[in-house]
Amino acid sequence: MADAVDFLEKWPAHATGRSYARSQASIVNSRIVSLSEVETKISNLIPKPKFLETLEKNIADRLKDIQPDDRDSRFQIFKEAFQSFIYSFKTYKHFLSSIYQEYEEFLNFYKAEAQKLRPVKEYLWTISQECDERILKIQKKEKPEINSLRREIVRLRDLISQLKGEKLGLETQVGHLTQSLKEEHEKFRYEADAKLLLISEINAMRMQFDEIEVITKHAQIKTNENDDPVLLKIALEQARKAQSVSEFELVQLKAEYVNVMPKNRYDMLMDENLQLKNDFEAIMKEYEGLNESFKLLKNQLNEVMKQRDESESKIQQMQKVSTPRPEWNEVGRKLPGGLTKWLEETVSMTSQEKMHFMVNQFTLQNNENTEFNLNTYIKEELNFIPLFLQTDSTVKPRPMQLRDCLLIVHELWLTRKSEKDFIKEQSLGQRRRLLTSRRLSQVQTRSHPPAGTQSKSPSTHHQHRDVFKSFDEFLNHFFKQIYGIEQIRIEWAHTFYSMLVKETHCYKLIELKKIIDNKVREQ
């Protein structure tokens, strides 16, 4: 940039013509919008210097290749532009250099201040970690109590709904009983009035009967005295009329008072009504007590809900300012031994302790990988070389994770099971065909027995016994199916067996290794 100074003119010696403005501001929809010189086409009376135009163009070209967030590179470009500017204007060089030096000292001062504040930042990060741990402990401590309160709230709600249903049922029952009591009371009043009328009518009839009896006696006495047949006839007619009237009144009374209730039953129903009334009052008192307890529990629930909302808001605020926690369970699945061993060994560790433990595991695993030699292990531990490991060429170990090894073991056992099932089905079909042929031959010999010959079975049973491959042969065939190229197959087979030897925490891998070493039978 300093080379351009030798052939560029100084401003304003070059100002011989006109140029256009770089930008123009205008207001569109109550907002300030910047327009380019092509859009405005407004001439500028003072042209821009060629040195300034070249300097701006050079800065713009260099800024195109830099990301907007790369502040150091942008600062370096403008710093070089300012230095070239100082170098070009020799008259103001001393003054501009002092300004440049002041800015540099000021910038270095603030860099030093920022460096001093770095321990404060680390301290704040440590405080946020401690706050996260405290929040998790508080959540873990209060979670059982909150769950118990929620269960208690649900139970009380069910109890309240049950009591409300019982209250509605009792109110309905009381309404029915009150209505039936009114009806019975009206009926009893009607019966009591009817009884009084009946008693008065019976008394009147009795008095009338007594009068008739007295008249009859007097008439009989007179008849006995006089023995007048006319009087006797008249007395007989009067007696018959009185008898018919009495019978009519008796039938009428029976018809009117046939549905009248007795007094003892009326008293019994009144006692039952009084008992129901007392029971209803007792239930209402119990309901009022339960209602008061419900209100008290409701107030307690509101207080608990407020405390829960406050704690949740505090937790959310702390989560916003805190750093996210790593997924330690996913890390444990990738380590030797799997998630179970990871949880057992890191049950009471902090995040920093878990990180150190993970680094130690990786370091230990790398050391094991570098120190382990499969050929030496086979010579020292085994008396034979498995078929799928036999080779004359050099073997280059390949990296394999525990997850990939477990997937291969799973696929291996599935293939072994499907092979056994296929052989069993094939042998079963052969046995069925053999049995069918035997039955057909027996039927033919019975219908047409040949002379001097005996029926022979087409084949014996031992010729169709189930024959399975040995596990060593099956394992060799399995790796050949997966890896078609022989060199790649033997490399992956050696790597797979090395994983079986090194992994001493996975039960599936230990069991498979014992089967390959002929220490355990496959069944």
Protein backbone atom coordinates (compact mmCIF):
# COMPACT_ATOMS: atom_id res chain seq x y z
CA MET A 1 0.00 0.00 0.00
CA ALA A 2 2.97 2.26 0.53
CA ASP A 3 4.07 1.70 -3.12
CA ALA A 4 1.01 3.53 -4.42
CA VAL A 5 2.30 6.78 -2.91
CA ASP A 6 5.10 7.17 -5.46
CA PHE A 7 2.87 7.67 -8.50
CA LEU A 8 -0.41 9.04 -6.99
CA GLU A 9 -1.13 12.75 -6.78
CA LYS A 10 -1.83 14.47 -3.54
CA TRP A 11 -5.19 16.02 -2.96
CA PRO A 12 -6.49 18.49 -4.15
CA ALA A 13 -3.94 18.91 -6.94
CA HIS A 14 -5.71 16.26 -9.03
CA ALA A 15 -9.18 17.83 -8.77
CA THR A 16 -9.68 18.66 -12.47
CA GLY A 17 -13.11 17.20 -13.05
CA ARG A 18 -16.36 16.20 -11.39
CA SER A 19 -17.50 12.93 -9.85
CA TYR A 20 -20.61 11.56 -8.21
CA ALA A 21 -21.43 11.16 -4.55
CA ARG A 22 -20.77 7.79 -2.95
CA SER A 23 -24.11 7.64 -1.17
CA GLN A 24 -27.15 9.69 -0.36
CA ALA A 25 -29.63 9.33 2.51
CA SER A 26 -33.39 9.57 1.99
CA ILE A 27 -36.49 8.87 4.11
CA VAL A 28 -38.78 6.00 2.99
CA ASN A 29 -41.76 4.96 5.18
CA SER A 30 -40.43 7.00 8.15
CA ARG A 31 -37.04 5.25 7.93
CA ILE A 32 -33.62 6.51 6.78
CA VAL A 33 -32.41 4.56 3.71
CA SER A 34 -28.89 4.88 2.24
CA LEU A 35 -28.75 5.03 -1.58
CA SER A 36 -25.68 4.38 -3.73
CA GLU A 37 -24.22 6.86 -6.21
CA VAL A 38 -25.79 4.96 -9.12
CA GLU A 39 -29.25 5.29 -7.54
CA THR A 40 -28.90 8.96 -6.58
CA LYS A 41 -26.95 10.36 -9.61
CA ILE A 42 -26.30 13.57 -7.69
CA SER A 43 -23.07 15.34 -8.64
CA ASN A 44 -20.50 16.33 -6.03
CA LEU A 45 -18.82 19.74 -6.37
CA ILE A 46 -15.57 18.59 -4.70
CA PRO A 47 -14.16 15.45 -6.39
CA LYS A 48 -12.61 12.68 -4.30
CA PRO A 49 -8.77 12.41 -4.37
CA LYS A 50 -7.29 9.57 -6.38
CA PHE A 51 -5.17 8.50 -3.43
CA LEU A 52 -8.25 8.24 -1.18
CA GLU A 53 -10.20 6.38 -3.85
CA THR A 54 -7.34 3.89 -4.36
CA LEU A 55 -6.95 3.45 -0.60
CA GLU A 56 -10.68 2.75 -0.12
CA LYS A 57 -10.71 0.34 -3.05
CA ASN A 58 -7.71 -1.55 -1.65
CA ILE A 59 -9.35 -1.82 1.80
CA ALA A 60 -12.65 -2.99 0.28
CA ASP A 61 -10.88 -5.66 -1.83
CA ARG A 62 -9.00 -7.02 1.19
CA LEU A 63 -12.14 -7.02 3.37
CA LYS A 64 -14.00 -9.22 0.87
CA ASP A 65 -11.72 -12.19 1.68
CA ILE A 66 -12.23 -11.88 5.46
CA GLN A 67 -15.15 -13.09 7.57
CA PRO A 68 -17.23 -10.31 9.21
CA ASP A 69 -16.60 -11.70 12.71
CA ASP A 70 -12.76 -11.84 12.27
CA ARG A 71 -12.00 -8.62 14.15
CA ASP A 72 -8.23 -9.12 14.35
CA SER A 73 -7.81 -9.35 10.57
CA ARG A 74 -10.07 -6.34 9.98
CA PHE A 75 -8.15 -4.34 12.56
CA GLN A 76 -4.85 -5.30 10.91
CA ILE A 77 -6.08 -4.10 7.47
CA PHE A 78 -7.19 -0.72 8.80
CA LYS A 79 -4.00 -0.45 10.83
CA GLU A 80 -1.87 -0.90 7.71
CA ALA A 81 -4.06 1.62 5.82
CA PHE A 82 -3.55 4.19 8.59
CA GLN A 83 0.22 3.58 8.60
CA SER A 84 0.35 4.13 4.82
CA PHE A 85 -1.73 7.26 5.33
CA ILE A 86 0.81 8.55 7.91
CA TYR A 87 3.69 7.67 5.59
CA SER A 88 2.10 9.54 2.63
CA PHE A 89 1.46 12.84 4.49
CA LYS A 90 4.93 13.76 5.66
CA THR A 91 3.85 17.20 6.91
CA TYR A 92 1.43 15.64 9.46
CA LYS A 93 3.49 12.53 10.03
CA HIS A 94 4.67 13.47 13.52
CA PHE A 95 1.19 14.53 14.65
CA LEU A 96 -0.55 11.47 13.17
CA SER A 97 2.14 9.19 14.62
CA SER A 98 1.48 10.57 18.11
CA ILE A 99 -2.25 9.94 17.62
CA TYR A 100 -1.49 6.41 16.43
CA GLN A 101 0.80 5.80 19.43
CA GLU A 102 -1.86 7.05 21.89
CA TYR A 103 -4.44 4.70 20.38
CA GLU A 104 -1.98 1.80 20.60
CA GLU A 105 -1.23 2.53 24.27
CA PHE A 106 -4.95 2.87 25.02
CA LEU A 107 -5.69 -0.43 23.28
CA ASN A 108 -2.86 -2.22 25.10
CA PHE A 109 -4.13 -0.82 28.39
CA TYR A 110 -7.60 -2.27 27.84
CA LYS A 111 -6.12 -5.59 26.72
CA ALA A 112 -4.22 -5.74 30.01
CA GLU A 113 -7.40 -4.87 31.90
CA ALA A 114 -9.25 -7.66 30.07
CA GLN A 115 -6.43 -10.05 30.98
CA LYS A 116 -6.80 -9.03 34.64
CA LEU A 117 -10.55 -9.76 34.49
CA ARG A 118 -10.02 -13.30 33.23
CA PRO A 119 -9.74 -14.79 36.80
CA VAL A 120 -13.04 -13.09 37.59
CA LYS A 121 -14.59 -14.81 34.57
CA GLU A 122 -13.21 -18.16 35.71
CA TYR A 123 -14.50 -17.49 39.22
CA LEU A 124 -17.95 -16.71 37.82
CA TRP A 125 -17.86 -19.94 35.84
CA THR A 126 -16.95 -21.86 39.01
CA ILE A 127 -19.77 -20.16 40.91
CA SER A 128 -22.23 -21.10 38.14
CA GLN A 129 -21.06 -24.73 38.38
CA GLU A 130 -21.62 -24.73 42.15
CA CYS A 131 -25.05 -23.15 41.67
CA ASP A 132 -25.95 -25.87 39.16
CA GLU A 133 -24.95 -28.57 41.63
CA ARG A 134 -26.93 -26.89 44.42
CA ILE A 135 -29.99 -26.58 42.20
CA LEU A 136 -29.76 -30.25 41.23
CA LYS A 137 -29.43 -31.24 44.90
CA ILE A 138 -32.42 -29.08 45.85
CA GLN A 139 -34.47 -30.56 43.01
CA LYS A 140 -33.47 -34.09 43.99
CA LYS A 141 -34.25 -33.39 47.65
CA GLU A 142 -37.63 -31.73 47.06
CA LYS A 143 -38.81 -34.04 44.26
CA PRO A 144 -40.08 -36.87 46.61
CA GLU A 145 -41.90 -34.30 48.79
CA ILE A 146 -43.50 -32.67 45.74
CA ASN A 147 -44.53 -36.07 44.39
CA SER A 148 -46.05 -37.05 47.75
CA LEU A 149 -47.93 -33.73 47.89
CA ARG A 150 -49.23 -34.29 44.37
CA ARG A 151 -50.42 -37.78 45.30
CA GLU A 152 -52.06 -36.37 48.43
CA ILE A 153 -53.76 -33.67 46.33
CA VAL A 154 -55.07 -36.28 43.89
CA ARG A 155 -56.32 -38.41 46.79
CA LEU A 156 -58.06 -35.43 48.43
CA ARG A 157 -59.63 -34.44 45.11
CA ASP A 158 -60.99 -37.96 44.71
CA LEU A 159 -62.27 -37.86 48.30
CA ILE A 160 -63.92 -34.48 47.72
CA SER A 161 -65.56 -35.64 44.50
CA GLN A 162 -66.75 -38.77 46.31
CA LEU A 163 -68.18 -36.67 49.17
CA LYS A 164 -69.85 -34.36 46.68
CA GLY A 165 -71.46 -37.35 45.01
CA GLU A 166 -72.59 -38.67 48.39
CA LYS A 167 -73.95 -35.23 49.27
CA LEU A 168 -75.95 -35.05 46.04
CA GLY A 169 -77.23 -38.57 46.62
CA LEU A 170 -78.24 -37.74 50.19
CA GLU A 171 -79.92 -34.51 49.11
CA THR A 172 -81.87 -36.42 46.48
CA GLN A 173 -82.78 -39.07 49.02
CA VAL A 174 -83.88 -36.43 51.54
CA GLY A 175 -86.03 -34.77 48.87
CA HIS A 176 -87.70 -38.08 48.03
CA LEU A 177 -88.22 -38.85 51.73
CA THR A 178 -89.65 -35.37 52.38
CA GLN A 179 -92.07 -35.74 49.50
CA SER A 180 -93.09 -39.23 50.63
CA LEU A 181 -93.46 -37.92 54.19
CA LYS A 182 -95.79 -35.16 53.00
CA GLU A 183 -97.84 -37.67 51.06
CA GLU A 184 -98.00 -40.03 54.04
CA HIS A 185 -98.90 -37.14 56.34
CA GLU A 186 -101.76 -36.10 54.05
CA LYS A 187 -102.89 -39.69 53.84
CA PHE A 188 -102.76 -40.09 57.63
CA ARG A 189 -104.72 -36.88 58.16
CA TYR A 190 -107.32 -38.08 55.69
CA GLU A 191 -107.49 -41.44 57.47
CA ALA A 192 -107.72 -39.78 60.90
CA ASP A 193 -110.59 -37.57 59.73
CA ALA A 194 -112.24 -40.58 58.14
CA LYS A 195 -111.86 -42.52 61.39
CA LEU A 196 -113.48 -39.70 63.36
CA LEU A 197 -116.37 -39.56 60.89
CA LEU A 198 -116.70 -43.33 61.02
CA ILE A 199 -116.71 -43.31 64.82
CA SER A 200 -119.37 -40.59 64.90
CA GLU A 201 -121.49 -42.45 62.33
CA ILE A 202 -121.07 -45.73 64.24
CA ASN A 203 -122.11 -43.99 67.45
CA ALA A 204 -125.13 -42.50 65.69
CA MET A 205 -126.05 -45.90 64.26
CA ARG A 206 -125.57 -47.48 67.67
CA MET A 207 -127.82 -44.90 69.25
CA GLN A 208 -130.34 -45.43 66.46
CA PHE A 209 -130.07 -49.18 66.94
CA ASP A 210 -130.59 -48.77 70.69
CA GLU A 211 -133.64 -46.61 70.04
CA ILE A 212 -135.02 -49.16 67.58
CA GLU A 213 -134.30 -51.92 70.06
CA VAL A 214 -136.14 -50.00 72.79
CA ILE A 215 -139.05 -49.35 70.42
CA THR A 216 -139.07 -53.01 69.42
CA LYS A 217 -139.09 -54.10 73.02
CA HIS A 218 -141.97 -51.74 73.79
CA ALA A 219 -143.79 -52.94 70.72
CA GLN A 220 -143.16 -56.54 71.67
CA ILE A 221 -144.38 -55.85 75.17
CA LYS A 222 -147.44 -54.21 73.80
CA THR A 223 -147.88 -57.01 71.31
CA ASN A 224 -147.54 -59.52 74.03
CA GLU A 225 -150.02 -57.57 76.00
CA ASN A 226 -152.43 -56.91 73.17
CA ASP A 227 -151.30 -59.44 70.53
CA ASP A 228 -152.58 -57.21 67.79
CA PRO A 229 -151.48 -58.66 64.39
CA VAL A 230 -151.64 -55.26 62.64
CA LEU A 231 -149.24 -53.72 65.10
CA LEU A 232 -146.94 -56.70 64.82
CA LYS A 233 -146.94 -56.38 61.04
CA ILE A 234 -146.15 -52.65 61.20
CA ALA A 235 -143.38 -53.28 63.73
CA LEU A 236 -141.88 -55.98 61.47
CA GLU A 237 -141.87 -53.64 58.46
CA GLN A 238 -140.22 -50.90 60.49
CA ALA A 239 -137.58 -53.36 61.71
CA ARG A 240 -136.86 -54.54 58.15
CA LYS A 241 -136.51 -50.94 56.93
CA ALA A 242 -134.11 -50.13 59.78
CA GLN A 243 -132.09 -53.28 58.98
CA SER A 244 -131.80 -52.39 55.27
CA VAL A 245 -130.74 -48.83 56.15
CA SER A 246 -128.12 -50.16 58.58
CA GLU A 247 -126.75 -52.63 55.99
CA PHE A 248 -126.54 -49.87 53.36
CA GLU A 249 -124.67 -47.56 55.73
CA LEU A 250 -122.30 -50.40 56.71
CA VAL A 251 -121.48 -51.18 53.06
CA GLN A 252 -120.96 -47.46 52.36
CA LEU A 253 -118.55 -47.13 55.30
CA LYS A 254 -116.54 -50.16 54.15
CA ALA A 255 -116.28 -48.75 50.63
CA GLU A 256 -115.18 -45.30 51.83
CA TYR A 257 -112.62 -46.43 54.45
CA VAL A 258 -111.13 -49.46 52.71
CA ASN A 259 -107.73 -47.64 52.11
CA VAL A 260 -107.45 -46.06 55.56
CA MET A 261 -104.13 -46.81 57.37
CA PRO A 262 -104.09 -48.04 60.97
CA LYS A 263 -102.76 -45.79 63.69
CA ASN A 264 -99.88 -48.11 64.75
CA ARG A 265 -98.46 -48.09 61.22
CA TYR A 266 -98.77 -44.30 61.10
CA ASP A 267 -96.79 -44.00 64.34
CA MET A 268 -94.12 -46.37 62.98
CA LEU A 269 -93.67 -44.29 59.80
CA MET A 270 -93.43 -41.10 61.84
CA ASP A 271 -90.63 -42.66 63.94
CA GLU A 272 -88.75 -43.70 60.78
CA ASN A 273 -89.10 -40.19 59.37
CA LEU A 274 -87.69 -38.70 62.57
CA GLN A 275 -84.74 -41.12 62.46
CA LEU A 276 -83.97 -40.19 58.83
CA LYS A 277 -84.13 -36.53 59.73
CA ASN A 278 -81.60 -37.01 62.54
CA ASP A 279 -79.29 -39.00 60.22
CA PHE A 280 -79.50 -36.25 57.62
CA GLU A 281 -78.53 -33.59 60.18
CA ALA A 282 -75.52 -35.70 61.28
CA ILE A 283 -74.39 -36.16 57.66
CA MET A 284 -74.73 -32.42 57.02
CA LYS A 285 -72.53 -31.68 60.06
CA GLU A 286 -69.91 -34.17 58.79
CA TYR A 287 -70.10 -32.60 55.33
CA GLU A 288 -69.50 -29.12 56.77
CA GLY A 289 -66.42 -30.40 58.61
CA LEU A 290 -65.07 -32.03 55.46
CA ASN A 291 -65.77 -28.87 53.49
CA GLU A 292 -63.74 -26.82 55.98
CA SER A 293 -60.86 -29.32 55.79
CA PHE A 294 -61.08 -29.17 51.98
CA LYS A 295 -60.78 -25.38 52.04
CA LEU A 296 -57.78 -25.64 54.36
CA LEU A 297 -56.10 -28.20 52.11
CA LYS A 298 -56.90 -26.07 49.08
CA ASN A 299 -55.14 -23.09 50.67
CA GLN A 300 -52.14 -25.29 51.50
CA LEU A 301 -52.14 -26.56 47.92
CA ASN A 302 -52.11 -22.99 46.57
CA GLU A 303 -49.14 -22.17 48.81
CA VAL A 304 -47.29 -25.29 47.62
CA MET A 305 -48.06 -24.41 43.99
CA LYS A 306 -46.72 -20.88 44.52
CA GLN A 307 -43.53 -22.28 46.06
CA ARG A 308 -43.21 -24.73 43.18
CA ASP A 309 -43.65 -21.92 40.59
CA GLU A 310 -41.05 -19.80 42.38
CA SER A 311 -38.58 -22.70 42.49
CA GLU A 312 -39.20 -23.48 38.80
CA SER A 313 -38.65 -19.85 37.84
CA LYS A 314 -35.41 -19.80 39.85
CA ILE A 315 -34.30 -23.03 38.18
CA GLN A 316 -35.07 -21.62 34.73
CA GLN A 317 -33.12 -18.46 35.49
CA MET A 318 -30.18 -20.49 36.73
CA GLN A 319 -30.36 -22.74 33.66
CA LYS A 320 -30.24 -19.69 31.38
CA VAL A 321 -27.03 -18.39 32.95
CA SER A 322 -25.42 -21.81 33.51
CA THR A 323 -23.48 -23.95 31.07
CA PRO A 324 -25.10 -27.13 29.65
CA ARG A 325 -24.25 -30.50 31.15
CA PRO A 326 -22.65 -33.16 28.90
CA GLU A 327 -24.49 -36.43 28.20
CA TRP A 328 -22.39 -38.69 30.44
CA ASN A 329 -24.53 -41.76 29.69
CA GLU A 330 -23.63 -41.54 25.99
CA VAL A 331 -19.95 -41.31 27.00
CA GLY A 332 -20.35 -44.40 29.21
CA ARG A 333 -21.78 -46.45 26.34
CA LYS A 334 -18.66 -45.81 24.26
CA LEU A 335 -16.20 -46.83 27.01
CA PRO A 336 -15.11 -50.45 27.71
CA GLY A 337 -17.58 -52.23 29.97
CA GLY A 338 -20.56 -50.24 28.69
CA LEU A 339 -23.05 -48.07 30.57
CA THR A 340 -23.42 -50.41 33.57
CA LYS A 341 -19.75 -50.24 34.53
CA TRP A 342 -19.71 -46.46 33.94
CA LEU A 343 -22.65 -45.92 36.31
CA GLU A 344 -21.11 -48.17 38.98
CA GLU A 345 -17.73 -46.40 38.97
CA THR A 346 -18.99 -42.79 38.60
CA VAL A 347 -22.01 -42.93 40.91
CA SER A 348 -20.79 -40.16 43.27
CA MET A 349 -18.38 -38.22 41.02
CA THR A 350 -18.63 -34.62 39.93
CA SER A 351 -18.41 -33.53 36.30
CA GLN A 352 -14.70 -32.76 36.58
CA GLU A 353 -13.97 -36.13 38.21
CA LYS A 354 -15.95 -37.91 35.47
CA MET A 355 -13.88 -36.08 32.84
CA HIS A 356 -10.61 -37.22 34.48
CA PHE A 357 -11.92 -40.78 34.75
CA MET A 358 -12.86 -40.76 31.04
CA VAL A 359 -9.39 -39.50 30.03
CA ASN A 360 -7.77 -42.23 32.16
CA GLN A 361 -9.94 -44.86 30.48
CA PHE A 362 -8.95 -43.65 27.00
CA THR A 363 -5.27 -43.58 28.02
CA LEU A 364 -5.50 -47.08 29.50
CA GLN A 365 -7.25 -48.37 26.37
CA ASN A 366 -4.56 -46.87 24.09
CA ASN A 367 -1.82 -48.44 26.21
CA GLU A 368 -3.53 -51.82 25.99
CA ASN A 369 -3.85 -51.47 22.21
CA THR A 370 -0.17 -50.66 21.81
CA GLU A 371 1.11 -53.36 24.17
CA PHE A 372 -1.13 -56.27 23.06
CA ASN A 373 0.25 -58.82 20.54
CA LEU A 374 -2.26 -61.43 19.31
CA ASN A 375 0.29 -63.92 17.93
CA THR A 376 2.16 -64.01 21.23
CA TYR A 377 -1.11 -64.53 23.12
CA ILE A 378 -2.15 -67.45 20.85
CA LYS A 379 1.25 -69.16 21.28
CA GLU A 380 1.24 -68.75 25.07
CA GLU A 381 -2.44 -69.33 25.93
CA LEU A 382 -3.79 -71.68 23.19
CA ASN A 383 -2.54 -75.06 21.99
CA PHE A 384 -4.03 -74.52 18.55
CA ILE A 385 -4.86 -71.72 16.10
CA PRO A 386 -8.59 -71.28 15.33
CA LEU A 387 -9.50 -71.87 11.70
CA PHE A 388 -10.71 -68.32 11.08
CA LEU A 389 -7.33 -66.92 12.34
CA GLN A 390 -5.02 -69.15 10.28
CA THR A 391 -2.96 -67.21 7.69
CA ASP A 392 0.56 -67.04 6.24
CA SER A 393 0.56 -63.33 5.44
CA THR A 394 1.26 -60.38 7.72
CA VAL A 395 -1.78 -58.99 9.52
CA LYS A 396 -2.34 -55.26 9.98
CA PRO A 397 -4.59 -54.50 12.98
CA ARG A 398 -7.68 -52.39 12.38
CA PRO A 399 -9.47 -50.14 14.88
CA MET A 400 -12.74 -51.52 16.27
CA GLN A 401 -15.12 -50.09 18.86
CA LEU A 402 -16.96 -52.13 21.49
CA ARG A 403 -20.29 -51.31 19.88
CA ASP A 404 -19.17 -52.72 16.49
CA CYS A 405 -17.86 -55.84 18.19
CA LEU A 406 -21.20 -56.41 19.96
CA LEU A 407 -23.08 -55.94 16.67
CA ILE A 408 -20.90 -58.60 15.00
CA VAL A 409 -21.55 -60.99 17.93
CA HIS A 410 -25.30 -60.41 17.65
CA GLU A 411 -25.27 -61.05 13.88
CA LEU A 412 -23.09 -64.15 14.42
CA TRP A 413 -25.55 -65.79 16.83
CA LEU A 414 -28.52 -64.94 14.60
CA THR A 415 -26.80 -66.60 11.61
CA ARG A 416 -25.91 -69.64 13.73
CA LYS A 417 -29.50 -70.04 14.91
CA SER A 418 -30.95 -69.68 11.39
CA GLU A 419 -28.47 -72.32 10.09
CA LYS A 420 -29.47 -74.79 12.81
CA ASP A 421 -33.17 -74.17 12.18
CA PHE A 422 -32.70 -74.77 8.43
CA ILE A 423 -30.86 -78.07 9.02
CA LYS A 424 -33.54 -79.22 11.48
CA GLU A 425 -36.34 -78.42 9.03
CA GLN A 426 -34.46 -80.19 6.23
CA SER A 427 -33.92 -83.31 8.34
CA LEU A 428 -37.55 -83.25 9.46
CA GLY A 429 -38.68 -83.17 5.79
CA GLN A 430 -36.40 -86.12 4.99
CA ARG A 431 -37.84 -88.11 7.89
CA ARG A 432 -41.38 -87.42 6.71
CA ARG A 433 -40.54 -88.51 3.15
CA LEU A 434 -38.83 -91.65 4.52
CA LEU A 435 -41.86 -92.51 6.64
CA THR A 436 -44.19 -92.03 3.65
CA SER A 437 -42.05 -94.26 1.42
CA ARG A 438 -42.00 -96.95 4.11
CA ARG A 439 -45.77 -96.94 4.43
CA LEU A 440 -46.20 -97.16 0.63
CA SER A 441 -43.74 -100.07 0.43
CA GLN A 442 -45.58 -101.89 3.25
CA VAL A 443 -48.90 -101.49 1.45
CA GLN A 444 -47.41 -102.80 -1.81
CA THR A 445 -45.80 -105.84 -0.14
CA ARG A 446 -49.07 -106.72 1.59
CA SER A 447 -51.06 -106.57 -1.64
CA HIS A 448 -48.38 -108.33 -3.85
CA PRO A 449 -45.92 -110.24 -1.64
CA PRO A 450 -42.92 -111.44 -3.74
CA ALA A 451 -41.87 -115.09 -3.30
CA GLY A 452 -38.69 -115.72 -1.40
CA THR A 453 -38.04 -112.05 -0.71
CA GLN A 454 -38.53 -109.83 2.31
CA SER A 455 -39.38 -106.14 2.45
CA LYS A 456 -36.34 -103.91 2.96
CA SER A 457 -36.33 -100.39 4.19
CA PRO A 458 -35.08 -97.91 1.60
CA SER A 459 -32.64 -96.32 4.01
CA THR A 460 -31.71 -96.41 7.66
CA HIS A 461 -32.31 -93.68 10.16
CA HIS A 462 -28.69 -93.05 10.94
CA GLN A 463 -28.10 -91.94 7.35
CA HIS A 464 -30.28 -88.84 7.93
CA ARG A 465 -29.03 -87.64 11.27
CA ASP A 466 -28.69 -83.95 11.84
CA VAL A 467 -25.17 -82.89 10.94
CA PHE A 468 -24.03 -79.43 12.07
CA LYS A 469 -20.80 -77.65 11.27
CA SER A 470 -18.33 -77.19 14.09
CA PHE A 471 -18.30 -73.72 15.59
CA ASP A 472 -14.78 -73.08 14.28
CA GLU A 473 -15.85 -73.92 10.70
CA PHE A 474 -19.01 -71.87 11.06
CA LEU A 475 -17.01 -68.85 12.33
CA ASN A 476 -14.60 -69.10 9.39
CA HIS A 477 -17.50 -69.33 6.91
CA PHE A 478 -19.25 -66.40 8.66
CA PHE A 479 -16.27 -64.03 8.21
CA LYS A 480 -15.88 -65.15 4.59
CA GLN A 481 -19.51 -64.21 3.92
CA ILE A 482 -19.12 -60.76 5.50
CA TYR A 483 -15.70 -59.85 4.04
CA GLY A 484 -15.19 -61.17 0.51
CA ILE A 485 -11.49 -60.25 0.20
CA GLU A 486 -9.23 -62.67 2.06
CA GLN A 487 -6.75 -60.07 3.38
CA ILE A 488 -9.53 -57.84 4.71
CA ARG A 489 -11.27 -60.87 6.25
CA ILE A 490 -8.19 -62.04 8.15
CA GLU A 491 -7.45 -58.50 9.39
CA TRP A 492 -10.97 -58.03 10.75
CA ALA A 493 -10.96 -61.56 12.20
CA HIS A 494 -7.72 -60.84 14.12
CA THR A 495 -9.12 -57.49 15.28
CA PHE A 496 -12.35 -59.16 16.43
CA TYR A 497 -10.48 -61.85 18.40
CA SER A 498 -8.23 -59.17 19.93
CA MET A 499 -11.33 -57.36 21.20
CA LEU A 500 -12.58 -60.65 22.71
CA VAL A 501 -9.27 -61.07 24.55
CA LYS A 502 -9.02 -57.47 25.79
CA GLU A 503 -12.64 -56.97 26.89
CA THR A 504 -12.91 -58.60 30.32
CA HIS A 505 -16.08 -56.82 31.45
CA CYS A 506 -18.65 -57.85 28.82
CA TYR A 507 -20.30 -61.21 29.54
CA LYS A 508 -21.29 -61.85 25.90
CA LEU A 509 -17.71 -61.41 24.63
CA ILE A 510 -16.23 -63.54 27.43
CA GLU A 511 -18.69 -66.35 26.69
CA LEU A 512 -17.92 -66.29 22.94
CA LYS A 513 -14.16 -66.35 23.59
CA LYS A 514 -14.52 -69.45 25.80
CA ILE A 515 -16.46 -71.21 23.03
CA ILE A 516 -13.77 -70.34 20.44
CA ASP A 517 -10.99 -71.54 22.81
CA ASN A 518 -12.90 -74.85 23.34
CA LYS A 519 -13.20 -74.13 27.06
CA VAL A 520 -17.02 -74.19 26.98
CA ARG A 521 -19.40 -76.18 24.77
CA GLU A 522 -21.61 -74.24 22.40
CA GLN A 523 -24.82 -75.78 23.81
